[in-house]
Every structure is written in structure tokens, then in C-alpha cells.
Protein backbone atom coordinates (compact mmCIF):
# COMPACT_ATOMS: atom_id res chain seq x y z
CA UNK A 1 127.40 67.65 74.25
CA UNK A 2 128.16 71.19 72.66
CA UNK A 3 124.66 71.41 72.10
CA UNK A 4 124.06 71.39 76.38
CA UNK A 5 125.75 74.54 76.17
CA UNK A 6 123.55 76.24 74.17
CA UNK A 7 120.17 74.54 75.38
CA UNK A 8 121.08 75.54 79.27
CA UNK A 9 121.02 79.01 78.62
CA UNK A 10 118.09 79.10 76.41
CA UNK A 11 116.06 77.12 78.95
CA UNK A 12 116.81 79.24 81.78
CA UNK A 13 116.24 82.61 79.86
CA UNK A 14 112.70 80.85 78.78
CA UNK A 15 112.15 80.42 82.69
CA UNK A 16 112.85 83.84 83.42
CA UNK A 17 110.71 85.46 80.68
CA UNK A 18 107.90 83.29 81.48
CA UNK A 19 108.53 84.10 85.40
CA UNK A 20 108.62 88.03 84.27
CA UNK A 21 105.31 87.61 82.44
CA UNK A 22 103.54 85.85 85.27
CA UNK A 23 105.08 88.57 87.69
CA UNK A 24 103.64 91.19 85.84
CA UNK A 25 100.28 89.40 85.31
CA UNK A 26 100.03 89.46 89.46
CA UNK A 27 100.92 92.90 90.00
CA UNK A 28 98.22 94.31 87.10
CA UNK A 29 95.68 92.54 88.91
CA UNK A 30 94.83 89.80 86.33
CA UNK A 31 94.06 87.09 88.90
CA UNK A 32 92.12 89.21 91.44
CA UNK A 33 88.65 88.15 90.75
CA UNK A 34 88.22 84.43 89.73
CA UNK A 35 84.88 83.59 90.44
CA UNK A 36 83.22 86.92 88.87
CA UNK A 37 83.59 85.94 85.07
CA UNK A 38 81.95 82.37 86.08
CA UNK A 39 78.86 83.44 87.69
CA UNK A 40 78.41 86.08 85.05
CA UNK A 41 78.36 83.40 82.24
CA UNK A 42 75.93 81.34 84.28
CA UNK A 43 73.88 84.08 85.52
CA UNK A 44 73.03 85.62 82.05
CA UNK A 45 70.23 87.78 81.66
CA UNK A 46 68.17 86.24 78.60
CA UNK A 47 65.12 88.17 78.51
CA UNK A 48 64.89 90.76 75.87
CA UNK A 49 65.43 94.17 76.11
CA UNK A 50 62.74 96.59 75.61
CA UNK A 51 63.01 98.84 72.41
CA UNK A 52 63.87 102.01 73.33
């Protein structure tokens, strides 16, 4: 039973930390463009570049 007194605050601390990291990623624009990288991978230009 004593372990519960340790595990509950530790789990709440982890939940707060994960929430803070998620909030920071939202505010920094991490999730602004979800479709752009997927389209860039599919629409890759495979033609060789001319020598310069």
C-alpha cells in the first residue's frame, strides 16, 4: 500500500510533463502542416539534375 503513495504523484508528474511538452509543440507550430510532408515524399522529382 505504501507504493501507491509514491506512484500516484510520480504518475501525475509524468502526465503534467507530457501535457506541457504537447502544449509547447502546439504553440511552436509542430502540427500546422500535416499533409505537406506526405505529399512531398510522393511527388519527389526523380529526374537527374543537369550538371552545373
